[in-house]
Amino acid sequence: MTEPVAPSPGLKIVRGTANEEELAALIAVVTDAYTRESETAVAEEPHVSGWQRTQRPLRKPLRRDIPWGRYAG
């Protein structure tokens, strides 16, 4: 199987005109900021106990949208 290819990010100038040097400088600054942020980003890994890994759920979760009893009034 081949891995899905992520779409490349786009850049759209909405006001004014930028020459090639300005666009290159902008891309360099944004790339550097993204690289620094991604290096320092840390996501907490969820703690899963041995019990949760080995046991199946005892029952399905309750559906809160179904009223109790015959008469929902």
PDB file of N, CA and C in Angstrom:
ATOM      1  N   MET A   1       0.830  -1.186   0.000  1.00  0.00           N
ATOM      2  CA  MET A   1       0.000   0.000   0.000  1.00  0.00           C
ATOM      3  C   MET A   1       0.875   1.249   0.000  1.00  0.00           C
ATOM      4  N   THR A   2       0.396   2.269  -0.633  1.00  0.00           N
ATOM      5  CA  THR A   2       1.116   3.530  -0.631  1.00  0.00           C
ATOM      6  C   THR A   2       0.486   4.452   0.397  1.00  0.00           C
ATOM      7  N   GLU A   3       1.320   5.240   1.019  1.00  0.00           N
ATOM      8  CA  GLU A   3       0.833   6.186   2.015  1.00  0.00           C
ATOM      9  C   GLU A   3       0.185   7.363   1.311  1.00  0.00           C
ATOM     10  N   PRO A   4      -0.884   7.923   1.919  1.00  0.00           N
ATOM     11  CA  PRO A   4      -1.524   9.077   1.288  1.00  0.00           C
ATOM     12  C   PRO A   4      -0.580  10.280   1.308  1.00  0.00           C
ATOM     13  N   VAL A   5      -0.621  11.041   0.260  1.00  0.00           N
ATOM     14  CA  VAL A   5       0.236  12.208   0.131  1.00  0.00           C
ATOM     15  C   VAL A   5      -0.495  13.409   0.714  1.00  0.00           C
ATOM     16  N   ALA A   6       0.164  14.105   1.636  1.00  0.00           N
ATOM     17  CA  ALA A   6      -0.435  15.293   2.240  1.00  0.00           C
ATOM     18  C   ALA A   6      -0.436  16.429   1.228  1.00  0.00           C
ATOM     19  N   PRO A   7      -1.510  17.203   1.200  1.00  0.00           N
ATOM     20  CA  PRO A   7      -1.529  18.319   0.261  1.00  0.00           C
ATOM     21  C   PRO A   7      -0.490  19.361   0.667  1.00  0.00           C
ATOM     22  N   SER A   8       0.137  19.964  -0.334  1.00  0.00           N
ATOM     23  CA  SER A   8       1.143  20.979  -0.030  1.00  0.00           C
ATOM     24  C   SER A   8       0.441  22.259   0.426  1.00  0.00           C
ATOM     25  N   PRO A   9       1.048  22.953   1.387  1.00  0.00           N
ATOM     26  CA  PRO A   9       0.418  24.186   1.867  1.00  0.00           C
ATOM     27  C   PRO A   9       0.422  25.248   0.780  1.00  0.00           C
ATOM     28  N   GLY A  10      -0.564  26.080   0.805  1.00  0.00           N
ATOM     29  CA  GLY A  10      -0.677  27.123  -0.206  1.00  0.00           C
ATOM     30  C   GLY A  10      -0.397  28.497   0.388  1.00  0.00           C
ATOM     31  N   LEU A  11      -0.089  29.434  -0.448  1.00  0.00           N
ATOM     32  CA  LEU A  11       0.173  30.809  -0.054  1.00  0.00           C
ATOM     33  C   LEU A  11      -0.599  31.700  -1.009  1.00  0.00           C
ATOM     34  N   LYS A  12      -1.400  32.589  -0.430  1.00  0.00           N
ATOM     35  CA  LYS A  12      -2.219  33.460  -1.261  1.00  0.00           C
ATOM     36  C   LYS A  12      -2.007  34.899  -0.819  1.00  0.00           C
ATOM     37  N   ILE A  13      -1.603  35.748  -1.735  1.00  0.00           N
ATOM     38  CA  ILE A  13      -1.426  37.169  -1.457  1.00  0.00           C
ATOM     39  C   ILE A  13      -2.787  37.836  -1.673  1.00  0.00           C
ATOM     40  N   VAL A  14      -3.315  38.467  -0.617  1.00  0.00           N
ATOM     41  CA  VAL A  14      -4.653  39.052  -0.723  1.00  0.00           C
ATOM     42  C   VAL A  14      -4.622  40.571  -0.881  1.00  0.00           C
ATOM     43  N   ARG A  15      -3.477  41.184  -0.618  1.00  0.00           N
ATOM     44  CA  ARG A  15      -3.400  42.635  -0.776  1.00  0.00           C
ATOM     45  C   ARG A  15      -1.992  43.008  -1.242  1.00  0.00           C
ATOM     46  N   GLY A  16      -1.912  43.878  -2.200  1.00  0.00           N
ATOM     47  CA  GLY A  16      -0.617  44.331  -2.693  1.00  0.00           C
ATOM     48  C   GLY A  16       0.021  43.312  -3.613  1.00  0.00           C
ATOM     49  N   THR A  17       1.244  43.582  -3.993  1.00  0.00           N
ATOM     50  CA  THR A  17       1.992  42.668  -4.845  1.00  0.00           C
ATOM     51  C   THR A  17       3.334  42.397  -4.185  1.00  0.00           C
ATOM     52  N   ALA A  18       3.761  41.176  -4.257  1.00  0.00           N
ATOM     53  CA  ALA A  18       5.048  40.788  -3.675  1.00  0.00           C
ATOM     54  C   ALA A  18       5.951  40.270  -4.782  1.00  0.00           C
ATOM     55  N   ASN A  19       7.223  40.672  -4.708  1.00  0.00           N
ATOM     56  CA  ASN A  19       8.158  40.161  -5.708  1.00  0.00           C
ATOM     57  C   ASN A  19       8.741  38.838  -5.206  1.00  0.00           C
ATOM     58  N   GLU A  20       9.584  38.227  -6.012  1.00  0.00           N
ATOM     59  CA  GLU A  20      10.121  36.899  -5.672  1.00  0.00           C
ATOM     60  C   GLU A  20      10.961  36.917  -4.408  1.00  0.00           C
ATOM     61  N   GLU A  21      11.742  37.990  -4.179  1.00  0.00           N
ATOM     62  CA  GLU A  21      12.590  38.071  -2.986  1.00  0.00           C
ATOM     63  C   GLU A  21      11.732  38.156  -1.725  1.00  0.00           C
ATOM     64  N   GLU A  22      10.652  38.936  -1.764  1.00  0.00           N
ATOM     65  CA  GLU A  22       9.762  39.063  -0.602  1.00  0.00           C
ATOM     66  C   GLU A  22       9.063  37.743  -0.296  1.00  0.00           C
ATOM     67  N   LEU A  23       8.629  37.054  -1.346  1.00  0.00           N
ATOM     68  CA  LEU A  23       7.992  35.752  -1.133  1.00  0.00           C
ATOM     69  C   LEU A  23       8.979  34.739  -0.565  1.00  0.00           C
ATOM     70  N   ALA A  24      10.221  34.750  -1.056  1.00  0.00           N
ATOM     71  CA  ALA A  24      11.237  33.838  -0.537  1.00  0.00           C
ATOM     72  C   ALA A  24      11.528  34.127   0.925  1.00  0.00           C
ATOM     73  N   ALA A  25      11.601  35.411   1.286  1.00  0.00           N
ATOM     74  CA  ALA A  25      11.841  35.773   2.681  1.00  0.00           C
ATOM     75  C   ALA A  25      10.676  35.333   3.559  1.00  0.00           C
ATOM     76  N   LEU A  26       9.462  35.525   3.101  1.00  0.00           N
ATOM     77  CA  LEU A  26       8.281  35.107   3.864  1.00  0.00           C
ATOM     78  C   LEU A  26       8.265  33.604   4.073  1.00  0.00           C
ATOM     79  N   ILE A  27       8.538  32.850   3.028  1.00  0.00           N
ATOM     80  CA  ILE A  27       8.551  31.387   3.134  1.00  0.00           C
ATOM     81  C   ILE A  27       9.652  30.925   4.076  1.00  0.00           C
ATOM     82  N   ALA A  28      10.810  31.571   4.037  1.00  0.00           N
ATOM     83  CA  ALA A  28      11.903  31.200   4.933  1.00  0.00           C
ATOM     84  C   ALA A  28      11.541  31.455   6.390  1.00  0.00           C
ATOM     85  N   VAL A  29      10.927  32.596   6.671  1.00  0.00           N
ATOM     86  CA  VAL A  29      10.548  32.926   8.050  1.00  0.00           C
ATOM     87  C   VAL A  29       9.472  31.978   8.560  1.00  0.00           C
ATOM     88  N   VAL A  30       8.467  31.723   7.752  1.00  0.00           N
ATOM     89  CA  VAL A  30       7.387  30.827   8.179  1.00  0.00           C
ATOM     90  C   VAL A  30       7.901  29.404   8.362  1.00  0.00           C
ATOM     91  N   THR A  31       8.760  28.953   7.468  1.00  0.00           N
ATOM     92  CA  THR A  31       9.332  27.608   7.591  1.00  0.00           C
ATOM     93  C   THR A  31      10.161  27.476   8.854  1.00  0.00           C
ATOM     94  N   ASP A  32      10.977  28.482   9.159  1.00  0.00           N
ATOM     95  CA  ASP A  32      11.793  28.450  10.374  1.00  0.00           C
ATOM     96  C   ASP A  32      10.917  28.450  11.620  1.00  0.00           C
ATOM     97  N   ALA A  33       9.877  29.272  11.637  1.00  0.00           N
ATOM     98  CA  ALA A  33       8.979  29.312  12.793  1.00  0.00           C
ATOM     99  C   ALA A  33       8.262  27.979  12.975  1.00  0.00           C
ATOM    100  N   TYR A  34       7.822  27.387  11.889  1.00  0.00           N
ATOM    101  CA  TYR A  34       7.151  26.086  11.961  1.00  0.00           C
ATOM    102  C   TYR A  34       8.097  25.003  12.467  1.00  0.00           C
ATOM    103  N   THR A  35       9.331  25.009  11.973  1.00  0.00           N
ATOM    104  CA  THR A  35      10.316  24.011  12.390  1.00  0.00           C
ATOM    105  C   THR A  35      10.602  24.128  13.876  1.00  0.00           C
ATOM    106  N   ARG A  36      10.810  25.335  14.374  1.00  0.00           N
ATOM    107  CA  ARG A  36      11.066  25.539  15.805  1.00  0.00           C
ATOM    108  C   ARG A  36       9.878  25.099  16.651  1.00  0.00           C
ATOM    109  N   GLU A  37       8.684  25.442  16.209  1.00  0.00           N
ATOM    110  CA  GLU A  37       7.495  25.075  16.986  1.00  0.00           C
ATOM    111  C   GLU A  37       7.286  23.561  17.005  1.00  0.00           C
ATOM    112  N   SER A  38       7.502  22.901  15.886  1.00  0.00           N
ATOM    113  CA  SER A  38       7.289  21.455  15.837  1.00  0.00           C
ATOM    114  C   SER A  38       8.350  20.705  16.639  1.00  0.00           C
ATOM    115  N   GLU A  39       9.565  21.256  16.774  1.00  0.00           N
ATOM    116  CA  GLU A  39      10.603  20.613  17.572  1.00  0.00           C
ATOM    117  C   GLU A  39      10.290  20.678  19.059  1.00  0.00           C
ATOM    118  N   THR A  40       9.652  21.758  19.499  1.00  0.00           N
ATOM    119  CA  THR A  40       9.370  21.924  20.927  1.00  0.00           C
ATOM    120  C   THR A  40       7.988  21.420  21.326  1.00  0.00           C
ATOM    121  N   ALA A  41       7.150  21.092  20.363  1.00  0.00           N
ATOM    122  CA  ALA A  41       5.794  20.637  20.677  1.00  0.00           C
ATOM    123  C   ALA A  41       5.838  19.247  21.297  1.00  0.00           C
ATOM    124  N   VAL A  42       5.107  19.093  22.392  1.00  0.00           N
ATOM    125  CA  VAL A  42       5.050  17.810  23.077  1.00  0.00           C
ATOM    126  C   VAL A  42       3.585  17.496  23.354  1.00  0.00           C
ATOM    127  N   ALA A  43       3.147  16.353  22.913  1.00  0.00           N
ATOM    128  CA  ALA A  43       1.778  15.916  23.182  1.00  0.00           C
ATOM    129  C   ALA A  43       1.811  14.878  24.291  1.00  0.00           C
ATOM    130  N   GLU A  44       0.910  15.032  25.242  1.00  0.00           N
ATOM    131  CA  GLU A  44       0.842  14.063  26.326  1.00  0.00           C
ATOM    132  C   GLU A  44       0.261  12.758  25.806  1.00  0.00           C
ATOM    133  N   GLU A  45       0.896  11.671  26.160  1.00  0.00           N
ATOM    134  CA  GLU A  45       0.388  10.370  25.765  1.00  0.00           C
ATOM    135  C   GLU A  45      -0.594   9.900  26.826  1.00  0.00           C
ATOM    136  N   PRO A  46      -1.775   9.444  26.404  1.00  0.00           N
ATOM    137  CA  PRO A  46      -2.769   9.012  27.386  1.00  0.00           C
ATOM    138  C   PRO A  46      -2.292   7.773  28.135  1.00  0.00           C
ATOM    139  N   HIS A  47      -2.604   7.733  29.428  1.00  0.00           N
ATOM    140  CA  HIS A  47      -2.233   6.588  30.255  1.00  0.00           C
ATOM    141  C   HIS A  47      -3.322   5.519  30.126  1.00  0.00           C
ATOM    142  N   VAL A  48      -2.936   4.348  29.717  1.00  0.00           N
ATOM    143  CA  VAL A  48      -3.870   3.234  29.600  1.00  0.00           C
ATOM    144  C   VAL A  48      -3.405   2.156  30.567  1.00  0.00           C
ATOM    145  N   SER A  49      -4.274   1.804  31.500  1.00  0.00           N
ATOM    146  CA  SER A  49      -3.899   0.801  32.485  1.00  0.00           C
ATOM    147  C   SER A  49      -3.965  -0.590  31.869  1.00  0.00           C
ATOM    148  N   GLY A  50      -3.367  -1.534  32.553  1.00  0.00           N
ATOM    149  CA  GLY A  50      -3.414  -2.920  32.105  1.00  0.00           C
ATOM    150  C   GLY A  50      -4.843  -3.436  32.074  1.00  0.00           C
ATOM    151  N   TRP A  51      -5.657  -2.999  33.004  1.00  0.00           N
ATOM    152  CA  TRP A  51      -7.061  -3.403  33.050  1.00  0.00           C
ATOM    153  C   TRP A  51      -7.784  -2.944  31.782  1.00  0.00           C
ATOM    154  N   GLN A  52      -7.576  -1.711  31.390  1.00  0.00           N
ATOM    155  CA  GLN A  52      -8.251  -1.184  30.210  1.00  0.00           C
ATOM    156  C   GLN A  52      -7.783  -1.889  28.941  1.00  0.00           C
ATOM    157  N   ARG A  53      -6.543  -2.286  28.896  1.00  0.00           N
ATOM    158  CA  ARG A  53      -6.028  -2.953  27.705  1.00  0.00           C
ATOM    159  C   ARG A  53      -6.557  -4.367  27.547  1.00  0.00           C
ATOM    160  N   THR A  54      -6.770  -5.076  28.655  1.00  0.00           N
ATOM    161  CA  THR A  54      -7.108  -6.489  28.559  1.00  0.00           C
ATOM    162  C   THR A  54      -8.588  -6.780  28.700  1.00  0.00           C
ATOM    163  N   GLN A  55      -9.379  -5.838  29.185  1.00  0.00           N
ATOM    164  CA  GLN A  55     -10.791  -6.103  29.423  1.00  0.00           C
ATOM    165  C   GLN A  55     -11.662  -5.449  28.372  1.00  0.00           C
ATOM    166  N   ARG A  56     -12.661  -6.155  27.948  1.00  0.00           N
ATOM    167  CA  ARG A  56     -13.639  -5.558  27.056  1.00  0.00           C
ATOM    168  C   ARG A  56     -14.639  -4.793  27.905  1.00  0.00           C
ATOM    169  N   PRO A  57     -15.387  -3.879  27.332  1.00  0.00           N
ATOM    170  CA  PRO A  57     -16.376  -3.138  28.112  1.00  0.00           C
ATOM    171  C   PRO A  57     -17.436  -4.087  28.669  1.00  0.00           C
ATOM    172  N   LEU A  58     -17.923  -3.806  29.859  1.00  0.00           N
ATOM    173  CA  LEU A  58     -18.929  -4.654  30.467  1.00  0.00           C
ATOM    174  C   LEU A  58     -20.275  -4.533  29.760  1.00  0.00           C
ATOM    175  N   ARG A  59     -20.602  -3.351  29.315  1.00  0.00           N
ATOM    176  CA  ARG A  59     -21.850  -3.136  28.583  1.00  0.00           C
ATOM    177  C   ARG A  59     -21.682  -1.917  27.697  1.00  0.00           C
ATOM    178  N   LYS A  60     -22.626  -1.760  26.789  1.00  0.00           N
ATOM    179  CA  LYS A  60     -22.591  -0.585  25.938  1.00  0.00           C
ATOM    180  C   LYS A  60     -22.939   0.649  26.774  1.00  0.00           C
ATOM    181  N   PRO A  61     -22.424   1.816  26.410  1.00  0.00           N
ATOM    182  CA  PRO A  61     -22.783   3.037  27.146  1.00  0.00           C
ATOM    183  C   PRO A  61     -24.279   3.328  27.022  1.00  0.00           C
ATOM    184  N   LEU A  62     -24.834   3.966  28.047  1.00  0.00           N
ATOM    185  CA  LEU A  62     -26.248   4.329  28.029  1.00  0.00           C
ATOM    186  C   LEU A  62     -26.508   5.377  26.974  1.00  0.00           C
ATOM    187  N   ARG A  63     -27.633   5.242  26.314  1.00  0.00           N
ATOM    188  CA  ARG A  63     -28.044   6.258  25.342  1.00  0.00           C
ATOM    189  C   ARG A  63     -28.890   7.277  26.082  1.00  0.00           C
ATOM    190  N   ARG A  64     -28.423   8.482  26.148  1.00  0.00           N
ATOM    191  CA  ARG A  64     -29.117   9.542  26.883  1.00  0.00           C
ATOM    192  C   ARG A  64     -30.247  10.171  26.078  1.00  0.00           C
ATOM    193  N   ASP A  65     -30.329   9.871  24.788  1.00  0.00           N
ATOM    194  CA  ASP A  65     -31.383  10.477  23.978  1.00  0.00           C
ATOM    195  C   ASP A  65     -32.696   9.706  24.052  1.00  0.00           C
ATOM    196  N   ILE A  66     -32.686   8.501  24.619  1.00  0.00           N
ATOM    197  CA  ILE A  66     -33.905   7.699  24.746  1.00  0.00           C
ATOM    198  C   ILE A  66     -34.462   7.912  26.149  1.00  0.00           C
ATOM    199  N   PRO A  67     -35.723   8.358  26.267  1.00  0.00           N
ATOM    200  CA  PRO A  67     -36.281   8.604  27.602  1.00  0.00           C
ATOM    201  C   PRO A  67     -36.576   7.300  28.352  1.00  0.00           C
ATOM    202  N   TRP A  68     -36.589   7.373  29.664  1.00  0.00           N
ATOM    203  CA  TRP A  68     -36.878   6.221  30.507  1.00  0.00           C
ATOM    204  C   TRP A  68     -38.390   6.014  30.557  1.00  0.00           C
ATOM    205  N   GLY A  69     -38.835   4.794  30.552  1.00  0.00           N
ATOM    206  CA  GLY A  69     -40.271   4.491  30.633  1.00  0.00           C
ATOM    207  C   GLY A  69     -40.954   4.649  29.304  1.00  0.00           C
ATOM    208  N   ARG A  70     -42.245   4.396  29.326  1.00  0.00           N
ATOM    209  CA  ARG A  70     -43.017   4.436  28.082  1.00  0.00           C
ATOM    210  C   ARG A  70     -43.427   5.836  27.694  1.00  0.00           C
ATOM    211  N   TYR A  71     -43.636   6.661  28.649  1.00  0.00           N
ATOM    212  CA  TYR A  71     -44.195   7.994  28.366  1.00  0.00           C
ATOM    213  C   TYR A  71     -43.104   9.040  28.500  1.00  0.00           C
ATOM    214  N   ALA A  72     -42.812   9.684  27.420  1.00  0.00           N
ATOM    215  CA  ALA A  72     -41.812  10.753  27.438  1.00  0.00           C
ATOM    216  C   ALA A  72     -42.570  12.072  27.352  1.00  0.00           C
ATOM    217  N   GLY A  73     -42.932  12.605  28.463  1.00  0.00           N
ATOM    218  CA  GLY A  73     -43.739  13.803  28.414  1.00  0.00           C
ATOM    219  C   GLY A  73     -43.305  14.888  29.284  1.00  0.00           C
TER     220      GLY A  73
END
